[in-house]
Amino acid sequence: MYKILIIEDDTVIANTVQEHLTKWGYDVCVAQDFANVMKTFVEYEPQLVLLDISVPFFNGYHWCTQIRAVSQVPIIFLSSMADNMNIVMAMNMGGDDFVAKPFDLNVLVAKVQAILRRTYDFVENTNVLEHNGGILNRNDQTFLYENQKVELTKNEFKILQMLMEHSGTVVSRDEIMMQLWESEDFIDDNTLTVNVTRLRKKLEAVGLAQFIKTKKGVGYVIE
């Protein structure tokens, strides 16, 4: 079952589209927290996004850019702002199609079906982890925070991935070193300390000074 995320603040339109698509067998989620759309996106892992241009806090172009930074999931814009400039901008921002409001629900379903057929031979996973606005992309081993991309080394990525996968739980130094030992690099206690220090400096540079916390004598935790 394909999962579709609707980012639309007009509740009548959002609920109507959700109900109609559900009848066609799709799993549909309507975003509620417009200040933290990416959190919903990461947690829900949709295969398609229906996105309005005019939404609270940040417009649809902003969220399209944020999604494109971590995923190639198809995006269909739904908007009454259907002049040529906005259509061109939506496509340039990474949109895959544009449906002007008001629209016929059957036409929308046809477009959804067509773009899903073109895009997927299998169900794609967004393959990202999110915590407090920070997004770790497993595909290219990068970390994104407030439009700032952090390039990570192989070991930095593995450390951050392990901590984010177990957020709220202290991960021991021994557990991390065992994970890193899967690579060809030699990892001892001092090497781990150096890697964590470098990782913290990279996170601090984009505004996340306390993202990784030390539990003395035990290990590290992301809370």
N, C-alpha and C. Protein backbone atom coordinates (compact mmCIF):
# COMPACT_ATOMS: atom_id res chain seq x y z
N MET A 1 0.84 -1.19 0.00
CA MET A 1 0.00 0.00 0.00
C MET A 1 0.88 1.25 0.00
N TYR A 2 0.68 2.11 -0.98
CA TYR A 2 1.46 3.34 -1.05
C TYR A 2 0.99 4.33 0.01
N LYS A 3 1.96 5.05 0.57
CA LYS A 3 1.67 6.04 1.62
C LYS A 3 1.79 7.44 1.03
N ILE A 4 0.76 8.25 1.25
CA ILE A 4 0.71 9.60 0.69
C ILE A 4 0.58 10.61 1.82
N LEU A 5 1.46 11.61 1.82
CA LEU A 5 1.41 12.68 2.82
C LEU A 5 0.81 13.93 2.19
N ILE A 6 -0.22 14.48 2.84
CA ILE A 6 -0.86 15.71 2.38
C ILE A 6 -0.40 16.87 3.27
N ILE A 7 0.19 17.89 2.67
CA ILE A 7 0.61 19.09 3.40
C ILE A 7 -0.28 20.22 2.91
N GLU A 8 -1.37 20.41 3.59
CA GLU A 8 -2.44 21.32 3.16
C GLU A 8 -3.20 21.81 4.39
N ASP A 9 -3.24 23.16 4.59
CA ASP A 9 -3.86 23.68 5.81
C ASP A 9 -5.36 23.92 5.68
N ASP A 10 -5.91 23.81 4.48
CA ASP A 10 -7.36 23.89 4.31
C ASP A 10 -7.93 22.51 4.68
N THR A 11 -8.52 22.44 5.86
CA THR A 11 -8.94 21.13 6.39
C THR A 11 -10.02 20.48 5.53
N VAL A 12 -10.86 21.28 4.90
CA VAL A 12 -11.91 20.71 4.05
C VAL A 12 -11.28 20.00 2.86
N ILE A 13 -10.34 20.70 2.20
CA ILE A 13 -9.67 20.09 1.04
C ILE A 13 -8.85 18.88 1.48
N ALA A 14 -8.07 19.05 2.56
CA ALA A 14 -7.20 17.96 3.03
C ALA A 14 -8.01 16.72 3.38
N ASN A 15 -9.10 16.90 4.12
CA ASN A 15 -9.91 15.75 4.54
C ASN A 15 -10.64 15.10 3.37
N THR A 16 -11.08 15.94 2.42
CA THR A 16 -11.77 15.41 1.24
C THR A 16 -10.83 14.57 0.39
N VAL A 17 -9.62 15.10 0.16
CA VAL A 17 -8.63 14.36 -0.62
C VAL A 17 -8.22 13.08 0.11
N GLN A 18 -8.03 13.19 1.43
CA GLN A 18 -7.66 12.01 2.22
C GLN A 18 -8.72 10.92 2.10
N GLU A 19 -9.97 11.30 2.26
CA GLU A 19 -11.07 10.32 2.20
C GLU A 19 -11.14 9.67 0.82
N HIS A 20 -10.97 10.48 -0.23
CA HIS A 20 -11.08 9.95 -1.59
C HIS A 20 -9.93 9.00 -1.92
N LEU A 21 -8.72 9.40 -1.56
CA LEU A 21 -7.56 8.55 -1.84
C LEU A 21 -7.60 7.26 -1.01
N THR A 22 -8.14 7.35 0.20
CA THR A 22 -8.27 6.17 1.05
C THR A 22 -9.20 5.15 0.39
N LYS A 23 -10.25 5.64 -0.26
CA LYS A 23 -11.18 4.75 -0.95
C LYS A 23 -10.49 4.00 -2.09
N TRP A 24 -9.42 4.61 -2.62
CA TRP A 24 -8.67 3.98 -3.70
C TRP A 24 -7.57 3.06 -3.17
N GLY A 25 -7.53 2.89 -1.86
CA GLY A 25 -6.60 1.93 -1.28
C GLY A 25 -5.27 2.49 -0.83
N TYR A 26 -5.16 3.83 -0.77
CA TYR A 26 -3.91 4.43 -0.33
C TYR A 26 -3.93 4.70 1.18
N ASP A 27 -2.77 4.65 1.79
CA ASP A 27 -2.60 5.03 3.19
C ASP A 27 -2.27 6.52 3.18
N VAL A 28 -3.14 7.34 3.75
CA VAL A 28 -2.99 8.79 3.63
C VAL A 28 -2.87 9.45 4.99
N CYS A 29 -1.87 10.33 5.11
CA CYS A 29 -1.65 11.10 6.34
C CYS A 29 -1.73 12.59 6.02
N VAL A 30 -2.42 13.34 6.86
CA VAL A 30 -2.50 14.79 6.70
C VAL A 30 -1.62 15.44 7.75
N ALA A 31 -0.66 16.25 7.32
CA ALA A 31 0.24 16.94 8.25
C ALA A 31 -0.56 17.87 9.15
N GLN A 32 -0.23 17.87 10.43
CA GLN A 32 -0.91 18.73 11.41
C GLN A 32 0.00 19.82 11.95
N ASP A 33 1.27 19.51 12.11
CA ASP A 33 2.22 20.46 12.69
C ASP A 33 2.99 21.14 11.56
N PHE A 34 2.53 22.31 11.14
CA PHE A 34 3.12 22.97 9.97
C PHE A 34 4.46 23.64 10.28
N ALA A 35 4.82 23.69 11.54
CA ALA A 35 6.14 24.22 11.89
C ALA A 35 7.21 23.13 11.83
N ASN A 36 6.77 21.87 11.83
CA ASN A 36 7.71 20.73 11.85
C ASN A 36 7.29 19.68 10.84
N VAL A 37 7.10 20.10 9.60
CA VAL A 37 6.65 19.20 8.56
C VAL A 37 7.65 18.06 8.33
N MET A 38 8.95 18.37 8.42
CA MET A 38 9.95 17.34 8.16
C MET A 38 9.90 16.21 9.18
N LYS A 39 9.52 16.52 10.40
CA LYS A 39 9.39 15.47 11.42
C LYS A 39 8.30 14.49 11.00
N THR A 40 7.17 15.02 10.52
CA THR A 40 6.09 14.17 10.04
C THR A 40 6.54 13.37 8.83
N PHE A 41 7.25 14.04 7.92
CA PHE A 41 7.72 13.36 6.70
C PHE A 41 8.63 12.18 7.03
N VAL A 42 9.58 12.40 7.93
CA VAL A 42 10.54 11.35 8.27
C VAL A 42 9.85 10.19 8.99
N GLU A 43 8.95 10.52 9.91
CA GLU A 43 8.28 9.48 10.69
C GLU A 43 7.30 8.67 9.83
N TYR A 44 6.62 9.32 8.90
CA TYR A 44 5.59 8.64 8.10
C TYR A 44 6.18 7.90 6.89
N GLU A 45 7.28 8.41 6.35
CA GLU A 45 7.96 7.81 5.20
C GLU A 45 7.02 7.60 4.02
N PRO A 46 6.47 8.69 3.46
CA PRO A 46 5.53 8.55 2.34
C PRO A 46 6.23 8.21 1.03
N GLN A 47 5.47 7.65 0.09
CA GLN A 47 5.96 7.42 -1.27
C GLN A 47 5.54 8.55 -2.22
N LEU A 48 4.68 9.45 -1.74
CA LEU A 48 4.23 10.59 -2.54
C LEU A 48 3.80 11.71 -1.59
N VAL A 49 4.07 12.95 -1.99
CA VAL A 49 3.66 14.11 -1.20
C VAL A 49 2.77 15.01 -2.04
N LEU A 50 1.62 15.39 -1.48
CA LEU A 50 0.75 16.40 -2.07
C LEU A 50 0.95 17.67 -1.27
N LEU A 51 1.41 18.74 -1.91
CA LEU A 51 1.91 19.91 -1.20
C LEU A 51 1.29 21.20 -1.70
N ASP A 52 0.67 21.94 -0.80
CA ASP A 52 0.14 23.27 -1.13
C ASP A 52 1.28 24.29 -1.03
N ILE A 53 1.17 25.37 -1.81
CA ILE A 53 2.19 26.43 -1.73
C ILE A 53 1.96 27.28 -0.49
N SER A 54 0.70 27.62 -0.22
CA SER A 54 0.39 28.51 0.90
C SER A 54 0.03 27.70 2.14
N VAL A 55 1.02 27.49 3.00
CA VAL A 55 0.79 26.82 4.28
C VAL A 55 1.42 27.67 5.38
N PRO A 56 0.98 27.51 6.64
CA PRO A 56 1.49 28.35 7.73
C PRO A 56 2.98 28.15 8.00
N PHE A 57 3.59 29.15 8.60
CA PHE A 57 4.99 29.17 9.04
C PHE A 57 5.96 29.28 7.87
N PHE A 58 6.02 28.25 7.03
CA PHE A 58 6.89 28.26 5.85
C PHE A 58 6.06 27.82 4.65
N ASN A 59 6.32 28.40 3.48
CA ASN A 59 5.51 28.03 2.33
C ASN A 59 5.93 26.68 1.74
N GLY A 60 5.16 26.22 0.78
CA GLY A 60 5.40 24.92 0.19
C GLY A 60 6.75 24.80 -0.50
N TYR A 61 7.25 25.92 -1.04
CA TYR A 61 8.56 25.89 -1.69
C TYR A 61 9.65 25.53 -0.68
N HIS A 62 9.53 26.07 0.53
CA HIS A 62 10.50 25.78 1.59
C HIS A 62 10.50 24.28 1.89
N TRP A 63 9.30 23.71 2.06
CA TRP A 63 9.23 22.30 2.43
C TRP A 63 9.63 21.40 1.27
N CYS A 64 9.39 21.84 0.06
CA CYS A 64 9.84 21.07 -1.10
C CYS A 64 11.36 21.00 -1.11
N THR A 65 12.02 22.12 -0.83
CA THR A 65 13.48 22.14 -0.77
C THR A 65 14.00 21.24 0.35
N GLN A 66 13.34 21.29 1.50
CA GLN A 66 13.75 20.46 2.63
C GLN A 66 13.61 18.97 2.30
N ILE A 67 12.52 18.60 1.68
CA ILE A 67 12.30 17.20 1.30
C ILE A 67 13.33 16.77 0.26
N ARG A 68 13.58 17.63 -0.72
CA ARG A 68 14.53 17.29 -1.78
C ARG A 68 15.96 17.13 -1.26
N ALA A 69 16.25 17.73 -0.12
CA ALA A 69 17.59 17.61 0.45
C ALA A 69 17.86 16.20 0.95
N VAL A 70 16.77 15.44 1.21
CA VAL A 70 16.95 14.10 1.79
C VAL A 70 16.26 12.99 1.00
N SER A 71 15.43 13.34 0.02
CA SER A 71 14.64 12.31 -0.65
C SER A 71 14.26 12.72 -2.07
N GLN A 72 14.09 11.71 -2.92
CA GLN A 72 13.60 11.93 -4.28
C GLN A 72 12.14 11.52 -4.41
N VAL A 73 11.43 11.43 -3.30
CA VAL A 73 10.02 11.08 -3.32
C VAL A 73 9.26 12.07 -4.22
N PRO A 74 8.35 11.59 -5.08
CA PRO A 74 7.62 12.51 -5.96
C PRO A 74 6.74 13.48 -5.18
N ILE A 75 6.67 14.71 -5.69
CA ILE A 75 5.90 15.78 -5.05
C ILE A 75 4.96 16.38 -6.08
N ILE A 76 3.67 16.41 -5.75
CA ILE A 76 2.68 17.08 -6.58
C ILE A 76 2.20 18.32 -5.84
N PHE A 77 2.37 19.48 -6.45
CA PHE A 77 1.87 20.72 -5.85
C PHE A 77 0.38 20.84 -6.12
N LEU A 78 -0.37 21.24 -5.09
CA LEU A 78 -1.80 21.54 -5.20
C LEU A 78 -1.98 23.00 -4.80
N SER A 79 -2.39 23.85 -5.72
CA SER A 79 -2.45 25.27 -5.36
C SER A 79 -3.37 26.05 -6.28
N SER A 80 -3.99 27.09 -5.71
CA SER A 80 -4.77 28.04 -6.51
C SER A 80 -3.85 29.08 -7.15
N MET A 81 -2.59 29.13 -6.71
CA MET A 81 -1.60 30.06 -7.27
C MET A 81 -1.02 29.42 -8.53
N ALA A 82 -1.89 29.32 -9.55
CA ALA A 82 -1.55 28.52 -10.72
C ALA A 82 -1.10 29.36 -11.91
N ASP A 83 -0.52 30.53 -11.65
CA ASP A 83 0.03 31.33 -12.74
C ASP A 83 1.34 30.68 -13.21
N ASN A 84 1.79 31.09 -14.38
CA ASN A 84 2.98 30.47 -14.97
C ASN A 84 4.20 30.56 -14.08
N MET A 85 4.37 31.70 -13.40
CA MET A 85 5.55 31.90 -12.56
C MET A 85 5.60 30.88 -11.43
N ASN A 86 4.47 30.66 -10.76
CA ASN A 86 4.44 29.70 -9.65
C ASN A 86 4.57 28.27 -10.13
N ILE A 87 4.01 27.96 -11.28
CA ILE A 87 4.15 26.60 -11.81
C ILE A 87 5.60 26.31 -12.15
N VAL A 88 6.25 27.28 -12.82
CA VAL A 88 7.66 27.12 -13.16
C VAL A 88 8.51 27.01 -11.90
N MET A 89 8.22 27.85 -10.90
CA MET A 89 8.99 27.83 -9.66
C MET A 89 8.82 26.48 -8.94
N ALA A 90 7.60 25.97 -8.94
CA ALA A 90 7.33 24.68 -8.28
C ALA A 90 8.14 23.57 -8.94
N MET A 91 8.20 23.58 -10.26
CA MET A 91 8.97 22.56 -10.97
C MET A 91 10.47 22.72 -10.71
N ASN A 92 10.94 23.98 -10.72
CA ASN A 92 12.36 24.24 -10.49
C ASN A 92 12.80 23.88 -9.07
N MET A 93 11.87 23.96 -8.12
CA MET A 93 12.18 23.63 -6.74
C MET A 93 12.26 22.12 -6.50
N GLY A 94 11.78 21.35 -7.48
CA GLY A 94 11.83 19.90 -7.33
C GLY A 94 10.49 19.21 -7.42
N GLY A 95 9.44 19.98 -7.73
CA GLY A 95 8.12 19.37 -7.88
C GLY A 95 8.06 18.51 -9.13
N ASP A 96 7.19 17.50 -9.11
CA ASP A 96 7.04 16.59 -10.24
C ASP A 96 5.79 16.86 -11.07
N ASP A 97 4.82 17.54 -10.45
CA ASP A 97 3.59 17.86 -11.17
C ASP A 97 2.91 19.01 -10.43
N PHE A 98 1.93 19.64 -11.10
CA PHE A 98 1.22 20.77 -10.50
C PHE A 98 -0.26 20.61 -10.85
N VAL A 99 -1.10 20.63 -9.82
CA VAL A 99 -2.55 20.54 -10.01
C VAL A 99 -3.16 21.83 -9.48
N ALA A 100 -3.87 22.53 -10.35
CA ALA A 100 -4.47 23.82 -9.97
C ALA A 100 -5.79 23.61 -9.24
N LYS A 101 -6.00 24.39 -8.19
CA LYS A 101 -7.29 24.40 -7.49
C LYS A 101 -8.23 25.39 -8.20
N PRO A 102 -9.52 25.07 -8.23
CA PRO A 102 -10.16 23.82 -7.79
C PRO A 102 -9.87 22.70 -8.80
N PHE A 103 -9.84 21.47 -8.29
CA PHE A 103 -9.53 20.35 -9.17
C PHE A 103 -10.57 19.25 -8.99
N ASP A 104 -10.64 18.40 -10.01
CA ASP A 104 -11.53 17.24 -9.97
C ASP A 104 -10.79 16.11 -9.26
N LEU A 105 -11.43 15.49 -8.29
CA LEU A 105 -10.78 14.43 -7.50
C LEU A 105 -10.35 13.26 -8.37
N ASN A 106 -11.13 12.95 -9.39
CA ASN A 106 -10.77 11.83 -10.26
C ASN A 106 -9.53 12.14 -11.10
N VAL A 107 -9.38 13.41 -11.48
CA VAL A 107 -8.18 13.83 -12.20
C VAL A 107 -6.96 13.71 -11.28
N LEU A 108 -7.13 14.12 -10.03
CA LEU A 108 -6.04 14.02 -9.07
C LEU A 108 -5.64 12.56 -8.87
N VAL A 109 -6.60 11.69 -8.72
CA VAL A 109 -6.29 10.26 -8.55
C VAL A 109 -5.53 9.72 -9.76
N ALA A 110 -5.95 10.13 -10.95
CA ALA A 110 -5.28 9.67 -12.17
C ALA A 110 -3.83 10.12 -12.19
N LYS A 111 -3.58 11.36 -11.76
CA LYS A 111 -2.20 11.88 -11.72
C LYS A 111 -1.38 11.14 -10.66
N VAL A 112 -1.99 10.87 -9.50
CA VAL A 112 -1.32 10.13 -8.43
C VAL A 112 -0.93 8.74 -8.93
N GLN A 113 -1.87 8.06 -9.55
CA GLN A 113 -1.61 6.71 -10.06
C GLN A 113 -0.50 6.72 -11.11
N ALA A 114 -0.51 7.70 -11.98
CA ALA A 114 0.47 7.78 -13.06
C ALA A 114 1.87 8.01 -12.50
N ILE A 115 1.99 8.94 -11.56
CA ILE A 115 3.31 9.26 -11.05
C ILE A 115 3.86 8.14 -10.18
N LEU A 116 3.00 7.42 -9.48
CA LEU A 116 3.45 6.26 -8.69
C LEU A 116 3.92 5.13 -9.61
N ARG A 117 3.21 4.94 -10.72
CA ARG A 117 3.63 3.91 -11.68
C ARG A 117 5.00 4.25 -12.28
N ARG A 118 5.19 5.53 -12.61
CA ARG A 118 6.46 5.94 -13.23
C ARG A 118 7.62 5.87 -12.25
N THR A 119 7.33 6.10 -10.97
CA THR A 119 8.40 6.26 -9.99
C THR A 119 8.87 4.95 -9.38
N TYR A 120 7.92 4.04 -9.12
CA TYR A 120 8.28 2.89 -8.28
C TYR A 120 8.15 1.55 -8.99
N ASP A 121 9.25 0.82 -8.98
CA ASP A 121 9.22 -0.60 -9.30
C ASP A 121 9.19 -1.38 -8.00
N PHE A 122 9.47 -0.69 -6.91
CA PHE A 122 9.44 -1.27 -5.57
C PHE A 122 9.16 -0.13 -4.61
N VAL A 123 8.78 -0.48 -3.38
CA VAL A 123 8.49 0.54 -2.37
C VAL A 123 9.80 1.12 -1.87
N GLU A 124 9.95 2.43 -2.03
CA GLU A 124 11.19 3.10 -1.64
C GLU A 124 11.11 3.57 -0.19
N ASN A 125 12.20 3.41 0.53
CA ASN A 125 12.31 3.92 1.89
C ASN A 125 13.04 5.26 1.85
N THR A 126 12.56 6.25 2.59
CA THR A 126 13.23 7.54 2.58
C THR A 126 14.63 7.45 3.18
N ASN A 127 14.86 6.42 3.99
CA ASN A 127 16.21 6.10 4.48
C ASN A 127 16.86 7.25 5.23
N VAL A 128 16.10 7.93 6.07
CA VAL A 128 16.66 9.01 6.88
C VAL A 128 16.23 8.86 8.34
N LEU A 129 17.02 9.46 9.21
CA LEU A 129 16.69 9.52 10.64
C LEU A 129 16.56 10.99 11.03
N GLU A 130 15.60 11.29 11.90
CA GLU A 130 15.39 12.68 12.33
C GLU A 130 15.35 12.79 13.84
N HIS A 131 15.97 13.84 14.38
CA HIS A 131 15.89 14.09 15.81
C HIS A 131 16.08 15.59 16.05
N ASN A 132 15.08 16.21 16.67
CA ASN A 132 15.12 17.65 17.01
C ASN A 132 15.56 18.53 15.84
N GLY A 133 15.01 18.23 14.66
CA GLY A 133 15.31 19.06 13.50
C GLY A 133 16.53 18.64 12.71
N GLY A 134 17.34 17.73 13.28
CA GLY A 134 18.51 17.23 12.57
C GLY A 134 18.15 15.98 11.78
N ILE A 135 18.61 15.90 10.54
CA ILE A 135 18.26 14.78 9.67
C ILE A 135 19.52 14.09 9.17
N LEU A 136 19.63 12.80 9.46
CA LEU A 136 20.77 12.01 9.00
C LEU A 136 20.33 11.20 7.78
N ASN A 137 21.03 11.40 6.68
CA ASN A 137 20.70 10.73 5.42
C ASN A 137 21.61 9.53 5.22
N ARG A 138 21.04 8.33 5.28
CA ARG A 138 21.84 7.11 5.13
C ARG A 138 22.33 6.93 3.69
N ASN A 139 21.65 7.56 2.73
CA ASN A 139 22.00 7.36 1.33
C ASN A 139 23.36 7.97 0.99
N ASP A 140 23.62 9.18 1.47
CA ASP A 140 24.90 9.84 1.13
C ASP A 140 25.75 10.14 2.36
N GLN A 141 25.32 9.64 3.54
CA GLN A 141 26.09 9.80 4.77
C GLN A 141 26.34 11.27 5.10
N THR A 142 25.26 12.07 5.02
CA THR A 142 25.34 13.48 5.39
C THR A 142 24.32 13.78 6.48
N PHE A 143 24.52 14.92 7.14
CA PHE A 143 23.61 15.37 8.20
C PHE A 143 23.13 16.77 7.82
N LEU A 144 21.82 17.00 7.94
CA LEU A 144 21.23 18.28 7.54
C LEU A 144 20.54 18.94 8.73
N TYR A 145 20.86 20.21 8.94
CA TYR A 145 20.19 20.96 10.01
C TYR A 145 19.99 22.40 9.55
N GLU A 146 18.72 22.83 9.48
CA GLU A 146 18.37 24.19 9.06
C GLU A 146 19.08 24.58 7.76
N ASN A 147 18.92 23.72 6.76
CA ASN A 147 19.48 23.94 5.42
C ASN A 147 21.00 23.93 5.37
N GLN A 148 21.65 23.50 6.44
CA GLN A 148 23.11 23.39 6.46
C GLN A 148 23.48 21.91 6.40
N LYS A 149 24.22 21.53 5.37
CA LYS A 149 24.60 20.14 5.18
C LYS A 149 25.99 19.89 5.76
N VAL A 150 26.10 18.83 6.55
CA VAL A 150 27.37 18.44 7.16
C VAL A 150 27.87 17.17 6.50
N GLU A 151 29.06 17.22 5.93
CA GLU A 151 29.67 16.02 5.35
C GLU A 151 30.35 15.23 6.48
N LEU A 152 30.07 13.94 6.54
CA LEU A 152 30.59 13.09 7.61
C LEU A 152 31.55 12.05 7.06
N THR A 153 32.57 11.73 7.87
CA THR A 153 33.43 10.61 7.52
C THR A 153 32.67 9.32 7.79
N LYS A 154 33.21 8.19 7.34
CA LYS A 154 32.54 6.90 7.53
C LYS A 154 32.30 6.62 9.01
N ASN A 155 33.32 6.86 9.85
CA ASN A 155 33.17 6.58 11.28
C ASN A 155 32.25 7.57 11.96
N GLU A 156 32.33 8.85 11.59
CA GLU A 156 31.43 9.85 12.17
C GLU A 156 29.98 9.49 11.85
N PHE A 157 29.75 9.07 10.62
CA PHE A 157 28.39 8.68 10.23
C PHE A 157 27.90 7.49 11.06
N LYS A 158 28.74 6.48 11.21
CA LYS A 158 28.33 5.28 11.97
C LYS A 158 28.03 5.62 13.43
N ILE A 159 28.85 6.50 14.02
CA ILE A 159 28.61 6.91 15.41
C ILE A 159 27.28 7.64 15.53
N LEU A 160 27.06 8.61 14.65
CA LEU A 160 25.83 9.40 14.72
C LEU A 160 24.60 8.55 14.42
N GLN A 161 24.73 7.65 13.47
CA GLN A 161 23.61 6.77 13.14
C GLN A 161 23.24 5.90 14.35
N MET A 162 24.22 5.34 15.00
CA MET A 162 23.96 4.47 16.15
C MET A 162 23.28 5.25 17.28
N LEU A 163 23.76 6.47 17.53
CA LEU A 163 23.19 7.28 18.61
C LEU A 163 21.76 7.73 18.27
N MET A 164 21.53 8.10 17.00
CA MET A 164 20.18 8.55 16.62
C MET A 164 19.20 7.38 16.58
N GLU A 165 19.67 6.20 16.20
CA GLU A 165 18.79 5.03 16.22
C GLU A 165 18.38 4.64 17.64
N HIS A 166 19.20 5.03 18.61
CA HIS A 166 18.92 4.72 20.02
C HIS A 166 18.74 6.01 20.83
N SER A 167 18.14 7.02 20.22
CA SER A 167 17.97 8.31 20.90
C SER A 167 17.21 8.12 22.22
N GLY A 168 17.68 8.80 23.25
CA GLY A 168 17.09 8.67 24.57
C GLY A 168 17.70 7.56 25.40
N THR A 169 18.55 6.75 24.77
CA THR A 169 19.22 5.65 25.46
C THR A 169 20.73 5.84 25.40
N VAL A 170 21.39 5.64 26.52
CA VAL A 170 22.84 5.76 26.55
C VAL A 170 23.46 4.56 25.82
N VAL A 171 24.34 4.87 24.86
CA VAL A 171 25.05 3.83 24.12
C VAL A 171 26.49 3.79 24.65
N SER A 172 26.93 2.63 25.10
CA SER A 172 28.26 2.53 25.70
C SER A 172 29.36 2.68 24.65
N ARG A 173 30.53 3.10 25.12
CA ARG A 173 31.68 3.23 24.24
C ARG A 173 32.04 1.88 23.61
N ASP A 174 31.93 0.82 24.39
CA ASP A 174 32.24 -0.51 23.88
C ASP A 174 31.31 -0.90 22.73
N GLU A 175 30.02 -0.57 22.87
CA GLU A 175 29.06 -0.89 21.82
C GLU A 175 29.39 -0.14 20.53
N ILE A 176 29.76 1.12 20.68
CA ILE A 176 30.10 1.92 19.49
C ILE A 176 31.36 1.37 18.83
N MET A 177 32.37 1.03 19.64
CA MET A 177 33.61 0.50 19.06
C MET A 177 33.39 -0.83 18.36
N MET A 178 32.48 -1.65 18.90
CA MET A 178 32.17 -2.92 18.24
C MET A 178 31.53 -2.66 16.88
N GLN A 179 30.67 -1.64 16.82
CA GLN A 179 30.03 -1.28 15.55
C GLN A 179 31.07 -0.78 14.55
N LEU A 180 31.99 0.04 15.00
CA LEU A 180 33.01 0.60 14.12
C LEU A 180 34.02 -0.46 13.68
N TRP A 181 34.21 -1.49 14.49
CA TRP A 181 35.15 -2.55 14.15
C TRP A 181 34.74 -3.31 12.90
N GLU A 182 33.48 -3.14 12.48
CA GLU A 182 33.02 -3.81 11.27
C GLU A 182 33.71 -3.28 10.03
N SER A 183 34.28 -2.08 10.16
CA SER A 183 35.05 -1.52 9.05
C SER A 183 36.48 -2.05 9.12
N GLU A 184 37.31 -1.64 8.16
CA GLU A 184 38.69 -2.10 8.12
C GLU A 184 39.60 -1.24 9.00
N ASP A 185 39.05 -0.15 9.51
CA ASP A 185 39.86 0.77 10.32
C ASP A 185 40.06 0.22 11.72
N PHE A 186 41.25 0.49 12.28
CA PHE A 186 41.52 0.09 13.66
C PHE A 186 40.89 1.12 14.60
N ILE A 187 40.06 0.64 15.50
CA ILE A 187 39.36 1.53 16.43
C ILE A 187 39.70 1.13 17.86
N ASP A 188 40.31 2.05 18.59
CA ASP A 188 40.50 1.82 20.01
C ASP A 188 39.81 2.95 20.76
N ASP A 189 39.97 2.96 22.08
CA ASP A 189 39.27 3.94 22.91
C ASP A 189 39.66 5.37 22.54
N ASN A 190 40.93 5.61 22.28
CA ASN A 190 41.39 6.94 21.94
C ASN A 190 40.87 7.38 20.57
N THR A 191 40.84 6.43 19.62
CA THR A 191 40.34 6.75 18.28
C THR A 191 38.87 7.13 18.34
N LEU A 192 38.11 6.46 19.18
CA LEU A 192 36.70 6.80 19.33
C LEU A 192 36.55 8.21 19.88
N THR A 193 37.33 8.56 20.87
CA THR A 193 37.27 9.90 21.45
C THR A 193 37.55 10.96 20.39
N VAL A 194 38.57 10.72 19.57
CA VAL A 194 38.92 11.67 18.51
C VAL A 194 37.76 11.83 17.53
N ASN A 195 37.14 10.71 17.13
CA ASN A 195 36.03 10.76 16.19
C ASN A 195 34.82 11.50 16.75
N VAL A 196 34.51 11.24 18.02
CA VAL A 196 33.37 11.93 18.65
C VAL A 196 33.65 13.42 18.76
N THR A 197 34.87 13.79 19.11
CA THR A 197 35.24 15.20 19.22
C THR A 197 35.08 15.91 17.88
N ARG A 198 35.56 15.30 16.82
CA ARG A 198 35.43 15.89 15.49
C ARG A 198 33.97 16.01 15.07
N LEU A 199 33.20 14.98 15.38
CA LEU A 199 31.78 14.99 15.05
C LEU A 199 31.07 16.12 15.78
N ARG A 200 31.36 16.27 17.05
CA ARG A 200 30.74 17.34 17.84
C ARG A 200 31.06 18.72 17.28
N LYS A 201 32.30 18.91 16.85
CA LYS A 201 32.71 20.21 16.29
C LYS A 201 31.92 20.51 15.01
N LYS A 202 31.69 19.49 14.20
CA LYS A 202 30.91 19.68 12.97
C LYS A 202 29.46 20.05 13.30
N LEU A 203 28.91 19.40 14.32
CA LEU A 203 27.53 19.69 14.71
C LEU A 203 27.42 21.07 15.36
N GLU A 204 28.42 21.43 16.15
CA GLU A 204 28.44 22.76 16.78
C GLU A 204 28.48 23.86 15.72
N ALA A 205 29.16 23.60 14.62
CA ALA A 205 29.32 24.60 13.56
C ALA A 205 27.99 24.95 12.89
N VAL A 206 27.00 24.06 13.00
CA VAL A 206 25.69 24.36 12.41
C VAL A 206 24.65 24.66 13.49
N GLY A 207 25.10 24.84 14.74
CA GLY A 207 24.20 25.26 15.80
C GLY A 207 23.70 24.19 16.74
N LEU A 208 24.35 23.03 16.74
CA LEU A 208 23.92 21.93 17.62
C LEU A 208 25.03 21.60 18.62
N ALA A 209 25.24 22.51 19.55
CA ALA A 209 26.35 22.38 20.49
C ALA A 209 26.18 21.22 21.47
N GLN A 210 24.95 20.91 21.86
CA GLN A 210 24.72 19.87 22.86
C GLN A 210 23.94 18.69 22.29
N PHE A 211 24.13 18.42 21.01
CA PHE A 211 23.37 17.34 20.38
C PHE A 211 23.77 15.98 20.93
N ILE A 212 25.08 15.78 21.10
CA ILE A 212 25.59 14.53 21.67
C ILE A 212 26.08 14.81 23.09
N LYS A 213 25.55 14.10 24.06
CA LYS A 213 25.94 14.30 25.45
C LYS A 213 26.74 13.11 25.96
N THR A 214 27.69 13.40 26.84
CA THR A 214 28.51 12.35 27.44
C THR A 214 27.94 11.92 28.78
N LYS A 215 27.81 10.63 28.98
CA LYS A 215 27.47 10.07 30.28
C LYS A 215 28.76 9.49 30.84
N LYS A 216 29.36 10.21 31.76
CA LYS A 216 30.68 9.88 32.24
C LYS A 216 30.79 8.42 32.72
N GLY A 217 31.79 7.76 32.22
CA GLY A 217 32.03 6.38 32.61
C GLY A 217 31.14 5.37 31.93
N VAL A 218 30.22 5.85 31.08
CA VAL A 218 29.29 4.94 30.42
C VAL A 218 29.39 5.03 28.90
N GLY A 219 29.03 6.21 28.37
CA GLY A 219 29.04 6.36 26.92
C GLY A 219 28.42 7.67 26.48
N TYR A 220 27.62 7.62 25.40
CA TYR A 220 27.05 8.83 24.83
C TYR A 220 25.55 8.65 24.61
N VAL A 221 24.84 9.81 24.54
CA VAL A 221 23.40 9.75 24.33
C VAL A 221 22.94 11.01 23.57
N ILE A 222 21.96 10.82 22.73
CA ILE A 222 21.24 11.93 22.11
C ILE A 222 19.86 11.95 22.73
N GLU A 223 19.54 13.03 23.44
CA GLU A 223 18.28 13.09 24.17
C GLU A 223 17.24 13.91 23.42
